[in-house]
Full PDB file with SEQRES, HELIX, SHEET, SSBOND, CRYST1, ORIGX, SCALE, CONECT and MASTER records, all heavy atoms in Angstrom:
SEQRES   1 A   44  GLU LEU GLY ILE ARG LYS LEU LYS ILE THR GLY GLY GLU          
SEQRES   2 A   44  PRO LEU VAL ARG PRO GLY CYS PRO GLU LEU ILE ARG MET          
SEQRES   3 A   44  LEU LYS LYS ILE PRO GLY ILE GLU GLN VAL THR MET THR          
SEQRES   4 A   44  THR ASN GLY VAL ALA                                          
HELIX    1 AA1 PRO A   14  VAL A   16  5                                   3    
HELIX    2 AA2 CYS A   20  LYS A   28  1                                   9    
SHEET    1 AA1 2 LYS A   6  ILE A   9  0                                        
SHEET    2 AA1 2 GLN A  35  MET A  38  1                                        
CRYST1    1.000    1.000    1.000  90.00  90.00  90.00 P 1           1          
ORIGX1      1.000000  0.000000  0.000000        0.00000                         
ORIGX2      0.000000  1.000000  0.000000        0.00000                         
ORIGX3      0.000000  0.000000  1.000000        0.00000                         
SCALE1      1.000000  0.000000  0.000000        0.00000                         
SCALE2      0.000000  1.000000  0.000000        0.00000                         
SCALE3      0.000000  0.000000  1.000000        0.00000                         
ATOM      1  N   GLU A   1      -8.665  13.532  -0.940  1.00  0.00           N  
ATOM      2  CA  GLU A   1      -9.557  14.684  -0.823  1.00  0.00           C  
ATOM      3  C   GLU A   1     -10.532  14.776  -1.996  1.00  0.00           C  
ATOM      4  O   GLU A   1     -11.569  15.435  -1.898  1.00  0.00           O  
ATOM      5  CB  GLU A   1      -8.737  15.977  -0.716  1.00  0.00           C  
ATOM      6  CG  GLU A   1      -7.943  16.081   0.585  1.00  0.00           C  
ATOM      7  CD  GLU A   1      -7.232  17.414   0.730  1.00  0.00           C  
ATOM      8  OE1 GLU A   1      -7.494  18.324  -0.099  1.00  0.00           O  
ATOM      9  OE2 GLU A   1      -6.426  17.550   1.666  1.00  0.00           O  
ATOM     10  N   LEU A   2     -10.204  14.089  -3.088  1.00  0.00           N  
ATOM     11  CA  LEU A   2     -11.087  14.054  -4.257  1.00  0.00           C  
ATOM     12  C   LEU A   2     -12.028  12.850  -4.243  1.00  0.00           C  
ATOM     13  O   LEU A   2     -12.927  12.759  -5.078  1.00  0.00           O  
ATOM     14  CB  LEU A   2     -10.249  14.024  -5.539  1.00  0.00           C  
ATOM     15  CG  LEU A   2      -9.392  15.247  -5.810  1.00  0.00           C  
ATOM     16  CD1 LEU A   2      -8.525  15.022  -7.051  1.00  0.00           C  
ATOM     17  CD2 LEU A   2     -10.244  16.500  -5.993  1.00  0.00           C  
ATOM     18  N   GLY A   3     -11.804  11.923  -3.314  1.00  0.00           N  
ATOM     19  CA  GLY A   3     -12.710  10.786  -3.220  1.00  0.00           C  
ATOM     20  C   GLY A   3     -12.082   9.418  -3.350  1.00  0.00           C  
ATOM     21  O   GLY A   3     -12.789   8.407  -3.317  1.00  0.00           O  
ATOM     22  N   ILE A   4     -10.751   9.344  -3.521  1.00  0.00           N  
ATOM     23  CA  ILE A   4     -10.106   8.027  -3.530  1.00  0.00           C  
ATOM     24  C   ILE A   4     -10.148   7.469  -2.115  1.00  0.00           C  
ATOM     25  O   ILE A   4      -9.704   8.113  -1.166  1.00  0.00           O  
ATOM     26  CB  ILE A   4      -8.650   8.118  -4.042  1.00  0.00           C  
ATOM     27  CG1 ILE A   4      -8.627   8.515  -5.522  1.00  0.00           C  
ATOM     28  CG2 ILE A   4      -7.918   6.789  -3.825  1.00  0.00           C  
ATOM     29  CD1 ILE A   4      -9.234   7.489  -6.454  1.00  0.00           C  
ATOM     30  N   ARG A   5     -10.675   6.257  -1.985  1.00  0.00           N  
ATOM     31  CA  ARG A   5     -10.858   5.646  -0.665  1.00  0.00           C  
ATOM     32  C   ARG A   5     -10.058   4.355  -0.486  1.00  0.00           C  
ATOM     33  O   ARG A   5      -9.780   3.945   0.640  1.00  0.00           O  
ATOM     34  CB  ARG A   5     -12.351   5.336  -0.450  1.00  0.00           C  
ATOM     35  CG  ARG A   5     -13.227   6.590  -0.405  1.00  0.00           C  
ATOM     36  CD  ARG A   5     -12.987   7.363   0.873  1.00  0.00           C  
ATOM     37  NE  ARG A   5     -13.668   8.653   0.887  1.00  0.00           N  
ATOM     38  CZ  ARG A   5     -13.094   9.819   0.636  1.00  0.00           C  
ATOM     39  NH1 ARG A   5     -11.800   9.865   0.349  1.00  0.00           N  
ATOM     40  NH2 ARG A   5     -13.769  10.940   0.690  1.00  0.00           N  
ATOM     41  N   LYS A   6      -9.711   3.700  -1.602  1.00  0.00           N  
ATOM     42  CA  LYS A   6      -9.058   2.392  -1.529  1.00  0.00           C  
ATOM     43  C   LYS A   6      -7.785   2.406  -2.351  1.00  0.00           C  
ATOM     44  O   LYS A   6      -7.769   2.888  -3.483  1.00  0.00           O  
ATOM     45  CB  LYS A   6     -10.024   1.320  -2.025  1.00  0.00           C  
ATOM     46  CG  LYS A   6     -11.240   1.132  -1.125  1.00  0.00           C  
ATOM     47  CD  LYS A   6     -12.368   0.411  -1.810  1.00  0.00           C  
ATOM     48  CE  LYS A   6     -13.131   1.323  -2.751  1.00  0.00           C  
ATOM     49  NZ  LYS A   6     -14.391   0.729  -3.239  1.00  0.00           N  
ATOM     50  N   LEU A   7      -6.714   1.849  -1.782  1.00  0.00           N  
ATOM     51  CA  LEU A   7      -5.412   1.825  -2.428  1.00  0.00           C  
ATOM     52  C   LEU A   7      -4.911   0.388  -2.513  1.00  0.00           C  
ATOM     53  O   LEU A   7      -5.078  -0.399  -1.570  1.00  0.00           O  
ATOM     54  CB  LEU A   7      -4.396   2.660  -1.651  1.00  0.00           C  
ATOM     55  CG  LEU A   7      -4.763   4.129  -1.379  1.00  0.00           C  
ATOM     56  CD1 LEU A   7      -3.720   4.766  -0.464  1.00  0.00           C  
ATOM     57  CD2 LEU A   7      -4.884   4.916  -2.679  1.00  0.00           C  
ATOM     58  N   LYS A   8      -4.298   0.063  -3.643  1.00  0.00           N  
ATOM     59  CA  LYS A   8      -3.670  -1.249  -3.828  1.00  0.00           C  
ATOM     60  C   LYS A   8      -2.205  -1.033  -4.166  1.00  0.00           C  
ATOM     61  O   LYS A   8      -1.869  -0.355  -5.136  1.00  0.00           O  
ATOM     62  CB  LYS A   8      -4.345  -2.013  -4.960  1.00  0.00           C  
ATOM     63  CG  LYS A   8      -3.644  -3.300  -5.370  1.00  0.00           C  
ATOM     64  CD  LYS A   8      -3.954  -4.436  -4.432  1.00  0.00           C  
ATOM     65  CE  LYS A   8      -5.370  -4.927  -4.662  1.00  0.00           C  
ATOM     66  NZ  LYS A   8      -5.696  -6.062  -3.741  1.00  0.00           N  
ATOM     67  N   ILE A   9      -1.301  -1.598  -3.372  1.00  0.00           N  
ATOM     68  CA  ILE A   9       0.130  -1.479  -3.616  1.00  0.00           C  
ATOM     69  C   ILE A   9       0.573  -2.649  -4.482  1.00  0.00           C  
ATOM     70  O   ILE A   9       0.336  -3.813  -4.164  1.00  0.00           O  
ATOM     71  CB  ILE A   9       0.908  -1.471  -2.282  1.00  0.00           C  
ATOM     72  CG1 ILE A   9       0.415  -0.332  -1.383  1.00  0.00           C  
ATOM     73  CG2 ILE A   9       2.398  -1.345  -2.548  1.00  0.00           C  
ATOM     74  CD1 ILE A   9       0.485   1.037  -2.022  1.00  0.00           C  
ATOM     75  N   THR A  10       1.232  -2.333  -5.597  1.00  0.00           N  
ATOM     76  CA  THR A  10       1.681  -3.353  -6.532  1.00  0.00           C  
ATOM     77  C   THR A  10       3.121  -3.074  -6.951  1.00  0.00           C  
ATOM     78  O   THR A  10       3.773  -2.180  -6.445  1.00  0.00           O  
ATOM     79  CB  THR A  10       0.782  -3.389  -7.788  1.00  0.00           C  
ATOM     80  OG1 THR A  10       1.069  -2.245  -8.614  1.00  0.00           O  
ATOM     81  CG2 THR A  10      -0.690  -3.375  -7.435  1.00  0.00           C  
ATOM     82  N   GLY A  11       3.606  -3.843  -7.929  1.00  0.00           N  
ATOM     83  CA  GLY A  11       4.926  -3.635  -8.509  1.00  0.00           C  
ATOM     84  C   GLY A  11       4.861  -3.861 -10.002  1.00  0.00           C  
ATOM     85  O   GLY A  11       3.820  -3.573 -10.606  1.00  0.00           O  
ATOM     86  N   GLY A  12       5.892  -4.463 -10.559  1.00  0.00           N  
ATOM     87  CA  GLY A  12       6.931  -5.291  -9.985  1.00  0.00           C  
ATOM     88  C   GLY A  12       6.457  -6.075  -8.767  1.00  0.00           C  
ATOM     89  O   GLY A  12       5.300  -6.383  -8.598  1.00  0.00           O  
ATOM     90  N   GLU A  13       7.412  -6.364  -7.921  1.00  0.00           N  
ATOM     91  CA  GLU A  13       7.120  -7.016  -6.651  1.00  0.00           C  
ATOM     92  C   GLU A  13       7.360  -6.013  -5.535  1.00  0.00           C  
ATOM     93  O   GLU A  13       8.502  -5.623  -5.265  1.00  0.00           O  
ATOM     94  CB  GLU A  13       8.011  -8.243  -6.462  1.00  0.00           C  
ATOM     95  CG  GLU A  13       8.007  -8.827  -5.064  1.00  0.00           C  
ATOM     96  CD  GLU A  13       6.612  -9.043  -4.510  1.00  0.00           C  
ATOM     97  OE1 GLU A  13       5.717  -9.523  -5.258  1.00  0.00           O  
ATOM     98  OE2 GLU A  13       6.394  -8.733  -3.327  1.00  0.00           O  
ATOM     99  N   PRO A  14       6.290  -5.532  -4.894  1.00  0.00           N  
ATOM    100  CA  PRO A  14       6.454  -4.445  -3.922  1.00  0.00           C  
ATOM    101  C   PRO A  14       7.355  -4.787  -2.750  1.00  0.00           C  
ATOM    102  O   PRO A  14       8.034  -3.898  -2.210  1.00  0.00           O  
ATOM    103  CB  PRO A  14       5.012  -4.168  -3.459  1.00  0.00           C  
ATOM    104  CG  PRO A  14       4.227  -5.379  -3.836  1.00  0.00           C  
ATOM    105  CD  PRO A  14       4.885  -5.922  -5.066  1.00  0.00           C  
ATOM    106  N   LEU A  15       7.407  -6.053  -2.356  1.00  0.00           N  
ATOM    107  CA  LEU A  15       8.192  -6.404  -1.169  1.00  0.00           C  
ATOM    108  C   LEU A  15       9.693  -6.463  -1.425  1.00  0.00           C  
ATOM    109  O   LEU A  15      10.467  -6.650  -0.480  1.00  0.00           O  
ATOM    110  CB  LEU A  15       7.703  -7.727  -0.586  1.00  0.00           C  
ATOM    111  CG  LEU A  15       6.304  -7.667   0.045  1.00  0.00           C  
ATOM    112  CD1 LEU A  15       5.863  -9.036   0.517  1.00  0.00           C  
ATOM    113  CD2 LEU A  15       6.252  -6.653   1.190  1.00  0.00           C  
ATOM    114  N   VAL A  16      10.133  -6.280  -2.677  1.00  0.00           N  
ATOM    115  CA  VAL A  16      11.577  -6.178  -2.905  1.00  0.00           C  
ATOM    116  C   VAL A  16      12.076  -4.757  -2.658  1.00  0.00           C  
ATOM    117  O   VAL A  16      13.275  -4.526  -2.564  1.00  0.00           O  
ATOM    118  CB  VAL A  16      11.990  -6.631  -4.333  1.00  0.00           C  
ATOM    119  CG1 VAL A  16      11.538  -8.039  -4.613  1.00  0.00           C  
ATOM    120  CG2 VAL A  16      11.476  -5.666  -5.396  1.00  0.00           C  
ATOM    121  N   ARG A  17      11.163  -3.817  -2.539  1.00  0.00           N  
ATOM    122  CA  ARG A  17      11.586  -2.447  -2.258  1.00  0.00           C  
ATOM    123  C   ARG A  17      11.686  -2.253  -0.751  1.00  0.00           C  
ATOM    124  O   ARG A  17      10.702  -2.431  -0.014  1.00  0.00           O  
ATOM    125  CB  ARG A  17      10.606  -1.433  -2.851  1.00  0.00           C  
ATOM    126  CG  ARG A  17      11.052   0.012  -2.602  1.00  0.00           C  
ATOM    127  CD  ARG A  17      10.286   1.012  -3.422  1.00  0.00           C  
ATOM    128  NE  ARG A  17      10.702   2.369  -3.071  1.00  0.00           N  
ATOM    129  CZ  ARG A  17      10.220   3.483  -3.604  1.00  0.00           C  
ATOM    130  NH1 ARG A  17       9.285   3.384  -4.546  1.00  0.00           N  
ATOM    131  NH2 ARG A  17      10.641   4.658  -3.217  1.00  0.00           N  
ATOM    132  N   PRO A  18      12.861  -1.876  -0.264  1.00  0.00           N  
ATOM    133  CA  PRO A  18      13.033  -1.697   1.181  1.00  0.00           C  
ATOM    134  C   PRO A  18      12.031  -0.692   1.743  1.00  0.00           C  
ATOM    135  O   PRO A  18      11.745   0.335   1.120  1.00  0.00           O  
ATOM    136  CB  PRO A  18      14.473  -1.173   1.302  1.00  0.00           C  
ATOM    137  CG  PRO A  18      15.164  -1.681   0.074  1.00  0.00           C  
ATOM    138  CD  PRO A  18      14.119  -1.653  -1.005  1.00  0.00           C  
ATOM    139  N   GLY A  19      11.492  -1.014   2.910  1.00  0.00           N  
ATOM    140  CA  GLY A  19      10.594  -0.081   3.579  1.00  0.00           C  
ATOM    141  C   GLY A  19       9.143  -0.173   3.153  1.00  0.00           C  
ATOM    142  O   GLY A  19       8.325   0.639   3.597  1.00  0.00           O  
ATOM    143  N   CYS A  20       8.792  -1.153   2.333  1.00  0.00           N  
ATOM    144  CA  CYS A  20       7.413  -1.259   1.860  1.00  0.00           C  
ATOM    145  C   CYS A  20       6.396  -1.292   3.006  1.00  0.00           C  
ATOM    146  O   CYS A  20       5.373  -0.603   2.942  1.00  0.00           O  
ATOM    147  CB  CYS A  20       7.270  -2.481   0.962  1.00  0.00           C  
ATOM    148  SG  CYS A  20       5.585  -2.767   0.376  1.00  0.00           S  
ATOM    149  N   PRO A  21       6.606  -2.074   4.058  1.00  0.00           N  
ATOM    150  CA  PRO A  21       5.633  -2.050   5.165  1.00  0.00           C  
ATOM    151  C   PRO A  21       5.444  -0.665   5.770  1.00  0.00           C  
ATOM    152  O   PRO A  21       4.348  -0.317   6.213  1.00  0.00           O  
ATOM    153  CB  PRO A  21       6.242  -3.030   6.186  1.00  0.00           C  
ATOM    154  CG  PRO A  21       7.046  -3.979   5.345  1.00  0.00           C  
ATOM    155  CD  PRO A  21       7.643  -3.112   4.284  1.00  0.00           C  
ATOM    156  N   GLU A  22       6.516   0.129   5.799  1.00  0.00           N  
ATOM    157  CA  GLU A  22       6.405   1.490   6.333  1.00  0.00           C  
ATOM    158  C   GLU A  22       5.498   2.341   5.452  1.00  0.00           C  
ATOM    159  O   GLU A  22       4.740   3.186   5.953  1.00  0.00           O  
ATOM    160  CB  GLU A  22       7.797   2.121   6.441  1.00  0.00           C  
ATOM    161  CG  GLU A  22       7.811   3.582   6.862  1.00  0.00           C  
ATOM    162  CD  GLU A  22       7.263   3.817   8.272  1.00  0.00           C  
ATOM    163  OE1 GLU A  22       7.121   2.847   9.042  1.00  0.00           O  
ATOM    164  OE2 GLU A  22       6.979   4.991   8.596  1.00  0.00           O  
ATOM    165  N   LEU A  23       5.530   2.125   4.143  1.00  0.00           N  
ATOM    166  CA  LEU A  23       4.624   2.849   3.257  1.00  0.00           C  
ATOM    167  C   LEU A  23       3.171   2.524   3.601  1.00  0.00           C  
ATOM    168  O   LEU A  23       2.308   3.416   3.579  1.00  0.00           O  
ATOM    169  CB  LEU A  23       4.902   2.498   1.787  1.00  0.00           C  
ATOM    170  CG  LEU A  23       3.926   3.105   0.777  1.00  0.00           C  
ATOM    171  CD1 LEU A  23       4.002   4.630   0.782  1.00  0.00           C  
ATOM    172  CD2 LEU A  23       4.197   2.561  -0.630  1.00  0.00           C  
ATOM    173  N   ILE A  24       2.886   1.266   3.924  1.00  0.00           N  
ATOM    174  CA  ILE A  24       1.532   0.886   4.317  1.00  0.00           C  
ATOM    175  C   ILE A  24       1.087   1.738   5.509  1.00  0.00           C  
ATOM    176  O   ILE A  24      -0.028   2.273   5.539  1.00  0.00           O  
ATOM    177  CB  ILE A  24       1.461  -0.608   4.683  1.00  0.00           C  
ATOM    178  CG1 ILE A  24       1.925  -1.485   3.509  1.00  0.00           C  
ATOM    179  CG2 ILE A  24       0.052  -0.977   5.131  1.00  0.00           C  
ATOM    180  CD1 ILE A  24       1.091  -1.367   2.268  1.00  0.00           C  
ATOM    181  N   ARG A  25       1.970   1.882   6.482  1.00  0.00           N  
ATOM    182  CA  ARG A  25       1.648   2.687   7.672  1.00  0.00           C  
ATOM    183  C   ARG A  25       1.371   4.136   7.283  1.00  0.00           C  
ATOM    184  O   ARG A  25       0.402   4.750   7.760  1.00  0.00           O  
ATOM    185  CB  ARG A  25       2.804   2.630   8.673  1.00  0.00           C  
ATOM    186  CG  ARG A  25       2.522   3.352   9.992  1.00  0.00           C  
ATOM    187  CD  ARG A  25       3.781   3.504  10.832  1.00  0.00           C  
ATOM    188  NE  ARG A  25       4.771   4.355  10.178  1.00  0.00           N  
ATOM    189  CZ  ARG A  25       4.718   5.696  10.165  1.00  0.00           C  
ATOM    190  NH1 ARG A  25       3.725   6.324  10.784  1.00  0.00           N  
ATOM    191  NH2 ARG A  25       5.654   6.383   9.558  1.00  0.00           N  
ATOM    192  N   MET A  26       2.196   4.696   6.391  1.00  0.00           N  
ATOM    193  CA  MET A  26       2.025   6.083   5.972  1.00  0.00           C  
ATOM    194  C   MET A  26       0.683   6.294   5.273  1.00  0.00           C  
ATOM    195  O   MET A  26      -0.021   7.285   5.508  1.00  0.00           O  
ATOM    196  CB  MET A  26       3.188   6.484   5.042  1.00  0.00           C  
ATOM    197  CG  MET A  26       4.546   6.509   5.734  1.00  0.00           C  
ATOM    198  SD  MET A  26       5.955   6.503   4.579  1.00  0.00           S  
ATOM    199  CE  MET A  26       5.792   8.133   3.834  1.00  0.00           C  
ATOM    200  N   LEU A  27       0.321   5.370   4.425  1.00  0.00           N  
ATOM    201  CA  LEU A  27      -0.925   5.510   3.661  1.00  0.00           C  
ATOM    202  C   LEU A  27      -2.153   5.310   4.546  1.00  0.00           C  
ATOM    203  O   LEU A  27      -3.185   5.963   4.354  1.00  0.00           O  
ATOM    204  CB  LEU A  27      -0.941   4.511   2.505  1.00  0.00           C  
ATOM    205  CG  LEU A  27       0.159   4.694   1.455  1.00  0.00           C  
ATOM    206  CD1 LEU A  27       0.036   3.626   0.367  1.00  0.00           C  
ATOM    207  CD2 LEU A  27       0.126   6.087   0.840  1.00  0.00           C  
ATOM    208  N   LYS A  28      -2.053   4.407   5.515  1.00  0.00           N  
ATOM    209  CA  LYS A  28      -3.182   4.156   6.407  1.00  0.00           C  
ATOM    210  C   LYS A  28      -3.512   5.371   7.274  1.00  0.00           C  
ATOM    211  O   LYS A  28      -4.638   5.507   7.773  1.00  0.00           O  
ATOM    212  CB  LYS A  28      -2.880   2.951   7.302  1.00  0.00           C  
ATOM    213  CG  LYS A  28      -2.896   1.621   6.586  1.00  0.00           C  
ATOM    214  CD  LYS A  28      -4.316   1.150   6.299  1.00  0.00           C  
ATOM    215  CE  LYS A  28      -5.026   0.737   7.579  1.00  0.00           C  
ATOM    216  NZ  LYS A  28      -6.360   0.129   7.299  1.00  0.00           N  
ATOM    217  N   LYS A  29      -2.544   6.253   7.450  1.00  0.00           N  
ATOM    218  CA  LYS A  29      -2.754   7.448   8.281  1.00  0.00           C  
ATOM    219  C   LYS A  29      -3.459   8.571   7.528  1.00  0.00           C  
ATOM    220  O   LYS A  29      -3.852   9.570   8.145  1.00  0.00           O  
ATOM    221  CB  LYS A  29      -1.408   7.950   8.808  1.00  0.00           C  
ATOM    222  CG  LYS A  29      -0.819   7.103   9.929  1.00  0.00           C  
ATOM    223  CD  LYS A  29       0.416   7.769  10.497  1.00  0.00           C  
ATOM    224  CE  LYS A  29       0.915   7.032  11.733  1.00  0.00           C  
ATOM    225  NZ  LYS A  29       2.094   7.718  12.330  1.00  0.00           N  
ATOM    226  N   ILE A  30      -3.608   8.450   6.230  1.00  0.00           N  
ATOM    227  CA  ILE A  30      -4.200   9.530   5.436  1.00  0.00           C  
ATOM    228  C   ILE A  30      -5.705   9.599   5.702  1.00  0.00           C  
ATOM    229  O   ILE A  30      -6.413   8.593   5.543  1.00  0.00           O  
ATOM    230  CB  ILE A  30      -3.947   9.326   3.932  1.00  0.00           C  
ATOM    231  CG1 ILE A  30      -2.451   9.359   3.640  1.00  0.00           C  
ATOM    232  CG2 ILE A  30      -4.673  10.380   3.112  1.00  0.00           C  
ATOM    233  CD1 ILE A  30      -2.108   9.025   2.199  1.00  0.00           C  
ATOM    234  N   PRO A  31      -6.237  10.750   6.095  1.00  0.00           N  
ATOM    235  CA  PRO A  31      -7.678  10.881   6.309  1.00  0.00           C  
ATOM    236  C   PRO A  31      -8.452  10.531   5.027  1.00  0.00           C  
ATOM    237  O   PRO A  31      -8.081  10.956   3.936  1.00  0.00           O  
ATOM    238  CB  PRO A  31      -7.853  12.365   6.662  1.00  0.00           C  
ATOM    239  CG  PRO A  31      -6.529  12.779   7.208  1.00  0.00           C  
ATOM    240  CD  PRO A  31      -5.508  12.001   6.428  1.00  0.00           C  
ATOM    241  N   GLY A  32      -9.485   9.740   5.179  1.00  0.00           N  
ATOM    242  CA  GLY A  32     -10.314   9.365   4.035  1.00  0.00           C  
ATOM    243  C   GLY A  32      -9.949   8.041   3.401  1.00  0.00           C  
ATOM    244  O   GLY A  32     -10.762   7.446   2.691  1.00  0.00           O  
ATOM    245  N   ILE A  33      -8.733   7.561   3.648  1.00  0.00           N  
ATOM    246  CA  ILE A  33      -8.335   6.264   3.087  1.00  0.00           C  
ATOM    247  C   ILE A  33      -8.900   5.159   3.972  1.00  0.00           C  
ATOM    248  O   ILE A  33      -8.580   5.056   5.155  1.00  0.00           O  
ATOM    249  CB  ILE A  33      -6.803   6.140   2.977  1.00  0.00           C  
ATOM    250  CG1 ILE A  33      -6.265   7.166   1.972  1.00  0.00           C  
ATOM    251  CG2 ILE A  33      -6.416   4.726   2.548  1.00  0.00           C  
ATOM    252  CD1 ILE A  33      -6.812   7.037   0.569  1.00  0.00           C  
ATOM    253  N   GLU A  34      -9.735   4.323   3.384  1.00  0.00           N  
ATOM    254  CA  GLU A  34     -10.440   3.293   4.139  1.00  0.00           C  
ATOM    255  C   GLU A  34      -9.758   1.926   4.062  1.00  0.00           C  
ATOM    256  O   GLU A  34      -9.964   1.086   4.943  1.00  0.00           O  
ATOM    257  CB  GLU A  34     -11.873   3.162   3.614  1.00  0.00           C  
ATOM    258  CG  GLU A  34     -12.688   4.455   3.750  1.00  0.00           C  
ATOM    259  CD  GLU A  34     -14.010   4.391   3.033  1.00  0.00           C  
ATOM    260  OE1 GLU A  34     -14.286   3.344   2.392  1.00  0.00           O  
ATOM    261  OE2 GLU A  34     -14.772   5.369   3.107  1.00  0.00           O  
ATOM    262  N   GLN A  35      -8.970   1.725   3.015  1.00  0.00           N  
ATOM    263  CA  GLN A  35      -8.414   0.387   2.815  1.00  0.00           C  
ATOM    264  C   GLN A  35      -7.103   0.472   2.047  1.00  0.00           C  
ATOM    265  O   GLN A  35      -7.004   1.189   1.056  1.00  0.00           O  
ATOM    266  CB  GLN A  35      -9.418  -0.453   2.028  1.00  0.00           C  
ATOM    267  CG  GLN A  35      -9.040  -1.911   1.855  1.00  0.00           C  
ATOM    268  CD  GLN A  35     -10.032  -2.644   0.978  1.00  0.00           C  
ATOM    269  OE1 GLN A  35      -9.998  -2.519  -0.244  1.00  0.00           O  
ATOM    270  NE2 GLN A  35     -10.935  -3.397   1.590  1.00  0.00           N  
ATOM    271  N   VAL A  36      -6.098  -0.258   2.532  1.00  0.00           N  
ATOM    272  CA  VAL A  36      -4.824  -0.389   1.829  1.00  0.00           C  
ATOM    273  C   VAL A  36      -4.524  -1.879   1.711  1.00  0.00           C  
ATOM    274  O   VAL A  36      -4.389  -2.580   2.726  1.00  0.00           O  
ATOM    275  CB  VAL A  36      -3.675   0.332   2.549  1.00  0.00           C  
ATOM    276  CG1 VAL A  36      -2.373   0.159   1.764  1.00  0.00           C  
ATOM    277  CG2 VAL A  36      -3.986   1.823   2.723  1.00  0.00           C  
ATOM    278  N   THR A  37      -4.426  -2.365   0.486  1.00  0.00           N  
ATOM    279  CA  THR A  37      -4.166  -3.774   0.235  1.00  0.00           C  
ATOM    280  C   THR A  37      -2.919  -3.906  -0.644  1.00  0.00           C  
ATOM    281  O   THR A  37      -2.338  -2.909  -1.071  1.00  0.00           O  
ATOM    282  CB  THR A  37      -5.373  -4.442  -0.436  1.00  0.00           C  
ATOM    283  OG1 THR A  37      -5.627  -3.786  -1.701  1.00  0.00           O  
ATOM    284  CG2 THR A  37      -6.622  -4.315   0.428  1.00  0.00           C  
ATOM    285  N   MET A  38      -2.523  -5.131  -0.927  1.00  0.00           N  
ATOM    286  CA  MET A  38      -1.285  -5.357  -1.675  1.00  0.00           C  
ATOM    287  C   MET A  38      -1.429  -6.569  -2.588  1.00  0.00           C  
ATOM    288  O   MET A  38      -2.101  -7.545  -2.244  1.00  0.00           O  
ATOM    289  CB  MET A  38      -0.121  -5.587  -0.703  1.00  0.00           C  
ATOM    290  CG  MET A  38       1.193  -5.984  -1.374  1.00  0.00           C  
ATOM    291  SD  MET A  38       2.502  -6.331  -0.159  1.00  0.00           S  
ATOM    292  CE  MET A  38       2.780  -4.680   0.466  1.00  0.00           C  
ATOM    293  N   THR A  39      -0.782  -6.479  -3.751  1.00  0.00           N  
ATOM    294  CA  THR A  39      -0.590  -7.634  -4.626  1.00  0.00           C  
ATOM    295  C   THR A  39       0.885  -7.999  -4.610  1.00  0.00           C  
ATOM    296  O   THR A  39       1.748  -7.142  -4.826  1.00  0.00           O  
ATOM    297  CB  THR A  39      -1.042  -7.334  -6.061  1.00  0.00           C  
ATOM    298  OG1 THR A  39      -2.455  -7.141  -6.073  1.00  0.00           O  
ATOM    299  CG2 THR A  39      -0.700  -8.488  -6.982  1.00  0.00           C  
ATOM    300  N   THR A  40       1.193  -9.280  -4.345  1.00  0.00           N  
ATOM    301  CA  THR A  40       2.574  -9.737  -4.225  1.00  0.00           C  
ATOM    302  C   THR A  40       2.708 -11.122  -4.843  1.00  0.00           C  
ATOM    303  O   THR A  40       1.707 -11.838  -4.992  1.00  0.00           O  
ATOM    304  CB  THR A  40       2.995  -9.806  -2.735  1.00  0.00           C  
ATOM    305  OG1 THR A  40       4.270 -10.431  -2.610  1.00  0.00           O  
ATOM    306  CG2 THR A  40       1.999 -10.593  -1.909  1.00  0.00           C  
ATOM    307  N   ASN A  41       3.928 -11.495  -5.207  1.00  0.00           N  
ATOM    308  CA  ASN A  41       4.134 -12.872  -5.670  1.00  0.00           C  
ATOM    309  C   ASN A  41       4.295 -13.838  -4.501  1.00  0.00           C  
ATOM    310  O   ASN A  41       4.383 -15.047  -4.689  1.00  0.00           O  
ATOM    311  CB  ASN A  41       5.321 -12.979  -6.626  1.00  0.00           C  
ATOM    312  CG  ASN A  41       6.644 -12.531  -6.012  1.00  0.00           C  
ATOM    313  OD1 ASN A  41       6.899 -12.714  -4.827  1.00  0.00           O  
ATOM    314  ND2 ASN A  41       7.507 -11.953  -6.840  1.00  0.00           N  
ATOM    315  N   GLY A  42       4.364 -13.308  -3.286  1.00  0.00           N  
ATOM    316  CA  GLY A  42       4.364 -14.141  -2.097  1.00  0.00           C  
ATOM    317  C   GLY A  42       5.708 -14.686  -1.660  1.00  0.00           C  
ATOM    318  O   GLY A  42       5.811 -15.270  -0.566  1.00  0.00           O  
ATOM    319  N   VAL A  43       6.745 -14.514  -2.463  1.00  0.00           N  
ATOM    320  CA  VAL A  43       8.046 -15.093  -2.130  1.00  0.00           C  
ATOM    321  C   VAL A  43       8.570 -14.569  -0.793  1.00  0.00           C  
ATOM    322  O   VAL A  43       9.102 -15.326   0.029  1.00  0.00           O  
ATOM    323  CB  VAL A  43       9.067 -14.822  -3.262  1.00  0.00           C  
ATOM    324  CG1 VAL A  43      10.480 -15.194  -2.820  1.00  0.00           C  
ATOM    325  CG2 VAL A  43       8.678 -15.587  -4.513  1.00  0.00           C  
ATOM    326  N   ALA A  44       8.425 -13.269  -0.555  1.00  0.00           N  
ATOM    327  CA  ALA A  44       8.942 -12.662   0.677  1.00  0.00           C  
ATOM    328  C   ALA A  44       7.836 -12.342   1.679  1.00  0.00           C  
ATOM    329  O   ALA A  44       8.080 -11.640   2.660  1.00  0.00           O  
ATOM    330  CB  ALA A  44       9.716 -11.384   0.336  1.00  0.00           C  
TER     331      ALA A  44                                                      
MASTER        0    0    0    2    2    0    0    6  330    1    0    4          
END                                                                             
């Protein structure tokens, strides 16, 4: 609501936390959020 439009999910390693993909879904539903991306080490 203040103008944040892009989100990057990071860690640690975000994919070691259970339910991480579900968080992506939750954030994508927020009005005004245009992009949700992720940084990962790629192992999982």
